PDB file of N, CA and C in Angstrom:
ATOM      1  N   MET A   1      61.351 -76.744 144.877  1.00  0.00           N
ATOM      2  CA  MET A   1      62.668 -76.493 144.319  1.00  0.00           C
ATOM      3  C   MET A   1      63.193 -75.176 144.891  1.00  0.00           C
ATOM      4  N   SER A   2      64.395 -75.205 145.382  1.00  0.00           N
ATOM      5  CA  SER A   2      64.963 -73.991 145.949  1.00  0.00           C
ATOM      6  C   SER A   2      65.614 -73.160 144.854  1.00  0.00           C
ATOM      7  N   PRO A   3      65.592 -71.850 145.025  1.00  0.00           N
ATOM      8  CA  PRO A   3      66.181 -70.981 143.994  1.00  0.00           C
ATOM      9  C   PRO A   3      67.696 -71.144 143.953  1.00  0.00           C
ATOM     10  N   VAL A   4      68.241 -71.036 142.772  1.00  0.00           N
ATOM     11  CA  VAL A   4      69.687 -71.115 142.571  1.00  0.00           C
ATOM     12  C   VAL A   4      70.252 -69.719 142.735  1.00  0.00           C
ATOM     13  N   THR A   5      71.246 -69.618 143.579  1.00  0.00           N
ATOM     14  CA  THR A   5      71.876 -68.308 143.766  1.00  0.00           C
ATOM     15  C   THR A   5      73.284 -68.354 143.189  1.00  0.00           C
ATOM     16  N   THR A   6      73.630 -67.289 142.589  1.00  0.00           N
ATOM     17  CA  THR A   6      74.996 -67.177 142.077  1.00  0.00           C
ATOM     18  C   THR A   6      75.655 -66.019 142.800  1.00  0.00           C
ATOM     19  N   ASP A   7      76.723 -66.318 143.452  1.00  0.00           N
ATOM     20  CA  ASP A   7      77.455 -65.309 144.201  1.00  0.00           C
ATOM     21  C   ASP A   7      78.554 -64.754 143.312  1.00  0.00           C
ATOM     22  N   THR A   8      78.429 -63.500 142.981  1.00  0.00           N
ATOM     23  CA  THR A   8      79.433 -62.864 142.122  1.00  0.00           C
ATOM     24  C   THR A   8      80.344 -61.939 142.922  1.00  0.00           C
ATOM     25  N   THR A   9      80.307 -62.062 144.244  1.00  0.00           N
ATOM     26  CA  THR A   9      81.168 -61.246 145.095  1.00  0.00           C
ATOM     27  C   THR A   9      82.618 -61.666 144.884  1.00  0.00           C
ATOM     28  N   PRO A  10      83.502 -60.705 144.602  1.00  0.00           N
ATOM     29  CA  PRO A  10      84.914 -61.064 144.425  1.00  0.00           C
ATOM     30  C   PRO A  10      85.481 -61.693 145.703  1.00  0.00           C
ATOM     31  N   ARG A  11      86.268 -62.690 145.546  1.00  0.00           N
ATOM     32  CA  ARG A  11      86.903 -63.369 146.674  1.00  0.00           C
ATOM     33  C   ARG A  11      88.382 -63.013 146.705  1.00  0.00           C
ATOM     34  N   ARG A  12      88.944 -62.983 147.893  1.00  0.00           N
ATOM     35  CA  ARG A  12      90.384 -62.771 148.025  1.00  0.00           C
ATOM     36  C   ARG A  12      91.086 -64.040 147.593  1.00  0.00           C
ATOM     37  N   SER A  13      92.093 -63.890 146.835  1.00  0.00           N
ATOM     38  CA  SER A  13      92.853 -65.034 146.357  1.00  0.00           C
ATOM     39  C   SER A  13      93.682 -65.622 147.486  1.00  0.00           C
ATOM     40  N   THR A  14      93.694 -66.947 147.577  1.00  0.00           N
ATOM     41  CA  THR A  14      94.557 -67.611 148.549  1.00  0.00           C
ATOM     42  C   THR A  14      95.901 -67.935 147.906  1.00  0.00           C
ATOM     43  N   GLY A  15      96.085 -67.540 146.656  1.00  0.00           N
ATOM     44  CA  GLY A  15      97.328 -67.800 145.952  1.00  0.00           C
ATOM     45  C   GLY A  15      98.541 -67.186 146.635  1.00  0.00           C
ATOM     46  N   ASN A  16      98.407 -65.957 147.115  1.00  0.00           N
ATOM     47  CA  ASN A  16      99.525 -65.304 147.794  1.00  0.00           C
ATOM     48  C   ASN A  16      99.891 -66.031 149.077  1.00  0.00           C
ATOM     49  N   ARG A  17      98.874 -66.474 149.815  1.00  0.00           N
ATOM     50  CA  ARG A  17      99.132 -67.197 151.062  1.00  0.00           C
ATOM     51  C   ARG A  17      99.808 -68.531 150.763  1.00  0.00           C
ATOM     52  N   THR A  18      99.362 -69.211 149.718  1.00  0.00           N
ATOM     53  CA  THR A  18      99.955 -70.482 149.319  1.00  0.00           C
ATOM     54  C   THR A  18     101.396 -70.275 148.881  1.00  0.00           C
ATOM     55  N   LEU A  19     101.648 -69.239 148.105  1.00  0.00           N
ATOM     56  CA  LEU A  19     103.009 -68.925 147.657  1.00  0.00           C
ATOM     57  C   LEU A  19     103.908 -68.644 148.851  1.00  0.00           C
ATOM     58  N   TYR A  20     103.424 -67.860 149.807  1.00  0.00           N
ATOM     59  CA  TYR A  20     104.210 -67.526 150.991  1.00  0.00           C
ATOM     60  C   TYR A  20     104.526 -68.776 151.794  1.00  0.00           C
ATOM     61  N   LYS A  21     103.534 -69.648 151.974  1.00  0.00           N
ATOM     62  CA  LYS A  21     103.766 -70.880 152.725  1.00  0.00           C
ATOM     63  C   LYS A  21     104.800 -71.752 152.011  1.00  0.00           C
ATOM     64  N   GLY A  22     104.723 -71.821 150.700  1.00  0.00           N
ATOM     65  CA  GLY A  22     105.694 -72.580 149.920  1.00  0.00           C
ATOM     66  C   GLY A  22     107.101 -72.032 150.074  1.00  0.00           C
ATOM     67  N   GLN A  23     107.206 -70.708 150.091  1.00  0.00           N
ATOM     68  CA  GLN A  23     108.512 -70.072 150.278  1.00  0.00           C
ATOM     69  C   GLN A  23     109.064 -70.350 151.675  1.00  0.00           C
ATOM     70  N   GLN A  24     108.183 -70.343 152.672  1.00  0.00           N
ATOM     71  CA  GLN A  24     108.611 -70.655 154.037  1.00  0.00           C
ATOM     72  C   GLN A  24     109.088 -72.102 154.134  1.00  0.00           C
ATOM     73  N   THR A  25     108.362 -73.007 153.508  1.00  0.00           N
ATOM     74  CA  THR A  25     108.740 -74.419 153.537  1.00  0.00           C
ATOM     75  C   THR A  25     110.077 -74.620 152.848  1.00  0.00           C
ATOM     76  N   ARG A  26     110.245 -73.981 151.705  1.00  0.00           N
ATOM     77  CA  ARG A  26     111.512 -74.090 150.974  1.00  0.00           C
ATOM     78  C   ARG A  26     112.673 -73.569 151.827  1.00  0.00           C
ATOM     79  N   ALA A  27     112.456 -72.448 152.513  1.00  0.00           N
ATOM     80  CA  ALA A  27     113.491 -71.876 153.373  1.00  0.00           C
ATOM     81  C   ALA A  27     113.824 -72.827 154.528  1.00  0.00           C
ATOM     82  N   THR A  28     112.817 -73.475 155.084  1.00  0.00           N
ATOM     83  CA  THR A  28     113.033 -74.450 156.158  1.00  0.00           C
ATOM     84  C   THR A  28     113.854 -75.624 155.654  1.00  0.00           C
ATOM     85  N   ILE A  29     113.528 -76.104 154.464  1.00  0.00           N
ATOM     86  CA  ILE A  29     114.266 -77.228 153.870  1.00  0.00           C
ATOM     87  C   ILE A  29     115.715 -76.814 153.621  1.00  0.00           C
ATOM     88  N   LEU A  30     115.907 -75.621 153.064  1.00  0.00           N
ATOM     89  CA  LEU A  30     117.273 -75.151 152.781  1.00  0.00           C
ATOM     90  C   LEU A  30     118.083 -74.978 154.055  1.00  0.00           C
ATOM     91  N   ASP A  31     117.461 -74.517 155.115  1.00  0.00           N
ATOM     92  CA  ASP A  31     118.153 -74.365 156.386  1.00  0.00           C
ATOM     93  C   ASP A  31     118.623 -75.726 156.896  1.00  0.00           C
ATOM     94  N   ALA A  32     117.730 -76.714 156.820  1.00  0.00           N
ATOM     95  CA  ALA A  32     118.093 -78.075 157.230  1.00  0.00           C
ATOM     96  C   ALA A  32     119.165 -78.645 156.309  1.00  0.00           C
ATOM     97  N   ALA A  33     119.067 -78.357 155.013  1.00  0.00           N
ATOM     98  CA  ALA A  33     120.046 -78.854 154.042  1.00  0.00           C
ATOM     99  C   ALA A  33     121.425 -78.273 154.315  1.00  0.00           C
ATOM    100  N   LEU A  34     121.485 -77.003 154.659  1.00  0.00           N
ATOM    101  CA  LEU A  34     122.753 -76.368 154.981  1.00  0.00           C
ATOM    102  C   LEU A  34     123.381 -77.025 156.201  1.00  0.00           C
ATOM    103  N   GLY A  35     122.561 -77.317 157.200  1.00  0.00           N
ATOM    104  CA  GLY A  35     123.057 -77.997 158.392  1.00  0.00           C
ATOM    105  C   GLY A  35     123.591 -79.390 158.077  1.00  0.00           C
ATOM    106  N   LEU A  36     122.850 -80.132 157.272  1.00  0.00           N
ATOM    107  CA  LEU A  36     123.311 -81.477 156.888  1.00  0.00           C
ATOM    108  C   LEU A  36     124.578 -81.406 156.051  1.00  0.00           C
ATOM    109  N   ALA A  37     124.603 -80.477 155.107  1.00  0.00           N
ATOM    110  CA  ALA A  37     125.771 -80.358 154.227  1.00  0.00           C
ATOM    111  C   ALA A  37     127.015 -79.961 155.008  1.00  0.00           C
ATOM    112  N   SER A  38     126.844 -79.178 156.049  1.00  0.00           N
ATOM    113  CA  SER A  38     128.013 -78.772 156.831  1.00  0.00           C
ATOM    114  C   SER A  38     128.582 -79.951 157.623  1.00  0.00           C
ATOM    115  N   HIS A  39     127.763 -80.947 157.923  1.00  0.00           N
ATOM    116  CA  HIS A  39     128.224 -82.135 158.649  1.00  0.00           C
ATOM    117  C   HIS A  39     128.652 -83.260 157.717  1.00  0.00           C
ATOM    118  N   MET A  40     127.896 -83.430 156.620  1.00  0.00           N
ATOM    119  CA  MET A  40     128.088 -84.584 155.739  1.00  0.00           C
ATOM    120  C   MET A  40     128.743 -84.238 154.407  1.00  0.00           C
ATOM    121  N   GLY A  41     128.807 -82.962 154.087  1.00  0.00           N
ATOM    122  CA  GLY A  41     129.289 -82.550 152.777  1.00  0.00           C
ATOM    123  C   GLY A  41     128.144 -82.570 151.779  1.00  0.00           C
ATOM    124  N   LEU A  42     128.338 -81.876 150.661  1.00  0.00           N
ATOM    125  CA  LEU A  42     127.279 -81.816 149.643  1.00  0.00           C
ATOM    126  C   LEU A  42     126.961 -83.181 149.051  1.00  0.00           C
ATOM    127  N   GLU A  43     127.962 -84.014 148.904  1.00  0.00           N
ATOM    128  CA  GLU A  43     127.726 -85.343 148.325  1.00  0.00           C
ATOM    129  C   GLU A  43     126.881 -86.224 149.231  1.00  0.00           C
ATOM    130  N   GLY A  44     126.921 -85.967 150.527  1.00  0.00           N
ATOM    131  CA  GLY A  44     126.127 -86.743 151.468  1.00  0.00           C
ATOM    132  C   GLY A  44     124.701 -86.242 151.605  1.00  0.00           C
ATOM    133  N   LEU A  45     124.422 -85.111 151.013  1.00  0.00           N
ATOM    134  CA  LEU A  45     123.099 -84.504 151.091  1.00  0.00           C
ATOM    135  C   LEU A  45     122.131 -85.250 150.188  1.00  0.00           C
ATOM    136  N   SER A  46     121.010 -85.685 150.742  1.00  0.00           N
ATOM    137  CA  SER A  46     120.021 -86.391 149.934  1.00  0.00           C
ATOM    138  C   SER A  46     118.615 -85.916 150.277  1.00  0.00           C
ATOM    139  N   ILE A  47     117.718 -86.110 149.349  1.00  0.00           N
ATOM    140  CA  ILE A  47     116.326 -85.742 149.554  1.00  0.00           C
ATOM    141  C   ILE A  47     115.740 -86.585 150.685  1.00  0.00           C
ATOM    142  N   GLY A  48     116.124 -87.851 150.766  1.00  0.00           N
ATOM    143  CA  GLY A  48     115.629 -88.725 151.825  1.00  0.00           C
ATOM    144  C   GLY A  48     116.063 -88.269 153.206  1.00  0.00           C
ATOM    145  N   ALA A  49     117.335 -87.876 153.333  1.00  0.00           N
ATOM    146  CA  ALA A  49     117.841 -87.390 154.621  1.00  0.00           C
ATOM    147  C   ALA A  49     117.126 -86.099 155.026  1.00  0.00           C
ATOM    148  N   LEU A  50     116.895 -85.225 154.065  1.00  0.00           N
ATOM    149  CA  LEU A  50     116.194 -83.970 154.365  1.00  0.00           C
ATOM    150  C   LEU A  50     114.750 -84.224 154.756  1.00  0.00           C
ATOM    151  N   ALA A  51     114.125 -85.160 154.091  1.00  0.00           N
ATOM    152  CA  ALA A  51     112.748 -85.506 154.430  1.00  0.00           C
ATOM    153  C   ALA A  51     112.675 -85.973 155.880  1.00  0.00           C
ATOM    154  N   GLU A  52     113.631 -86.786 156.258  1.00  0.00           N
ATOM    155  CA  GLU A  52     113.657 -87.306 157.624  1.00  0.00           C
ATOM    156  C   GLU A  52     113.868 -86.179 158.644  1.00  0.00           C
ATOM    157  N   VAL A  53     114.824 -85.310 158.369  1.00  0.00           N
ATOM    158  CA  VAL A  53     115.151 -84.223 159.292  1.00  0.00           C
ATOM    159  C   VAL A  53     114.005 -83.221 159.422  1.00  0.00           C
ATOM    160  N   THR A  54     113.337 -82.921 158.326  1.00  0.00           N
ATOM    161  CA  THR A  54     112.274 -81.914 158.336  1.00  0.00           C
ATOM    162  C   THR A  54     110.905 -82.490 158.677  1.00  0.00           C
ATOM    163  N   GLY A  55     110.794 -83.813 158.709  1.00  0.00           N
ATOM    164  CA  GLY A  55     109.504 -84.438 158.985  1.00  0.00           C
ATOM    165  C   GLY A  55     108.565 -84.405 157.798  1.00  0.00           C
ATOM    166  N   MET A  56     109.127 -84.234 156.617  1.00  0.00           N
ATOM    167  CA  MET A  56     108.333 -84.199 155.391  1.00  0.00           C
ATOM    168  C   MET A  56     108.474 -85.518 154.651  1.00  0.00           C
ATOM    169  N   SER A  57     107.658 -85.687 153.626  1.00  0.00           N
ATOM    170  CA  SER A  57     107.813 -86.844 152.760  1.00  0.00           C
ATOM    171  C   SER A  57     108.894 -86.540 151.724  1.00  0.00           C
ATOM    172  N   LYS A  58     109.450 -87.594 151.140  1.00  0.00           N
ATOM    173  CA  LYS A  58     110.455 -87.384 150.087  1.00  0.00           C
ATOM    174  C   LYS A  58     109.851 -86.618 148.924  1.00  0.00           C
ATOM    175  N   SER A  59     108.611 -86.964 148.574  1.00  0.00           N
ATOM    176  CA  SER A  59     107.980 -86.279 147.446  1.00  0.00           C
ATOM    177  C   SER A  59     107.723 -84.810 147.766  1.00  0.00           C
ATOM    178  N   GLY A  60     107.472 -84.492 149.040  1.00  0.00           N
ATOM    179  CA  GLY A  60     107.283 -83.100 149.440  1.00  0.00           C
ATOM    180  C   GLY A  60     108.555 -82.292 149.271  1.00  0.00           C
ATOM    181  N   VAL A  61     109.682 -82.879 149.670  1.00  0.00           N
ATOM    182  CA  VAL A  61     110.972 -82.196 149.502  1.00  0.00           C
ATOM    183  C   VAL A  61     111.300 -82.086 148.011  1.00  0.00           C
ATOM    184  N   PHE A  62     111.096 -83.176 147.293  1.00  0.00           N
ATOM    185  CA  PHE A  62     111.390 -83.211 145.860  1.00  0.00           C
ATOM    186  C   PHE A  62     110.586 -82.149 145.105  1.00  0.00           C
ATOM    187  N   ALA A  63     109.342 -81.910 145.531  1.00  0.00           N
ATOM    188  CA  ALA A  63     108.482 -80.936 144.854  1.00  0.00           C
ATOM    189  C   ALA A  63     109.073 -79.521 144.900  1.00  0.00           C
ATOM    190  N   HIS A  64     109.861 -79.243 145.911  1.00  0.00           N
ATOM    191  CA  HIS A  64     110.446 -77.911 146.032  1.00  0.00           C
ATOM    192  C   HIS A  64     111.715 -77.735 145.210  1.00  0.00           C
ATOM    193  N   PHE A  65     112.375 -78.825 144.854  1.00  0.00           N
ATOM    194  CA  PHE A  65     113.661 -78.709 144.156  1.00  0.00           C
ATOM    195  C   PHE A  65     113.732 -79.462 142.843  1.00  0.00           C
ATOM    196  N   GLY A  66     113.021 -80.548 142.699  1.00  0.00           N
ATOM    197  CA  GLY A  66     112.992 -81.279 141.433  1.00  0.00           C
ATOM    198  C   GLY A  66     114.089 -82.297 141.254  1.00  0.00           C
ATOM    199  N   SER A  67     115.219 -82.088 141.912  1.00  0.00           N
ATOM    200  CA  SER A  67     116.312 -83.057 141.808  1.00  0.00           C
ATOM    201  C   SER A  67     117.311 -82.816 142.932  1.00  0.00           C
ATOM    202  N   ARG A  68     118.121 -83.799 143.175  1.00  0.00           N
ATOM    203  CA  ARG A  68     119.175 -83.677 144.191  1.00  0.00           C
ATOM    204  C   ARG A  68     120.169 -82.588 143.775  1.00  0.00           C
ATOM    205  N   GLU A  69     120.468 -82.529 142.484  1.00  0.00           N
ATOM    206  CA  GLU A  69     121.409 -81.537 141.972  1.00  0.00           C
ATOM    207  C   GLU A  69     120.894 -80.115 142.201  1.00  0.00           C
ATOM    208  N   GLU A  70     119.608 -79.890 141.953  1.00  0.00           N
ATOM    209  CA  GLU A  70     119.033 -78.562 142.180  1.00  0.00           C
ATOM    210  C   GLU A  70     119.063 -78.211 143.664  1.00  0.00           C
ATOM    211  N   LEU A  71     118.841 -79.202 144.504  1.00  0.00           N
ATOM    212  CA  LEU A  71     118.944 -79.002 145.935  1.00  0.00           C
ATOM    213  C   LEU A  71     120.354 -78.577 146.321  1.00  0.00           C
ATOM    214  N   GLN A  72     121.357 -79.287 145.801  1.00  0.00           N
ATOM    215  CA  GLN A  72     122.747 -78.960 146.099  1.00  0.00           C
ATOM    216  C   GLN A  72     123.112 -77.567 145.626  1.00  0.00           C
ATOM    217  N   ILE A  73     122.664 -77.218 144.447  1.00  0.00           N
ATOM    218  CA  ILE A  73     122.936 -75.879 143.899  1.00  0.00           C
ATOM    219  C   ILE A  73     122.290 -74.800 144.767  1.00  0.00           C
ATOM    220  N   SER A  74     121.085 -75.062 145.237  1.00  0.00           N
ATOM    221  CA  SER A  74     120.377 -74.104 146.087  1.00  0.00           C
ATOM    222  C   SER A  74     121.099 -73.902 147.413  1.00  0.00           C
ATOM    223  N   VAL A  75     121.696 -74.959 147.935  1.00  0.00           N
ATOM    224  CA  VAL A  75     122.431 -74.878 149.200  1.00  0.00           C
ATOM    225  C   VAL A  75     123.671 -74.008 149.027  1.00  0.00           C
ATOM    226  N   ILE A  76     124.307 -74.149 147.897  1.00  0.00           N
ATOM    227  CA  ILE A  76     125.518 -73.363 147.610  1.00  0.00           C
ATOM    228  C   ILE A  76     125.129 -71.909 147.454  1.00  0.00           C
TER     229      ILE A  76
END
């Protein structure tokens, strides 16, 4: 039987890196949304169109905004 070791060394949190990546992704989506809205208008802006333009899934885009309305408000 091998001895059980418990590592109590503090680890650096990856939470900050995850938060930063999320903020970058949101900014990328908003940049694409602004471009689409300038061509199609706010009413033409959709989560599906943004997913296509950004190469993300619809659920990935939706996770950042929660609704089409929140997306539109963020663009404004």
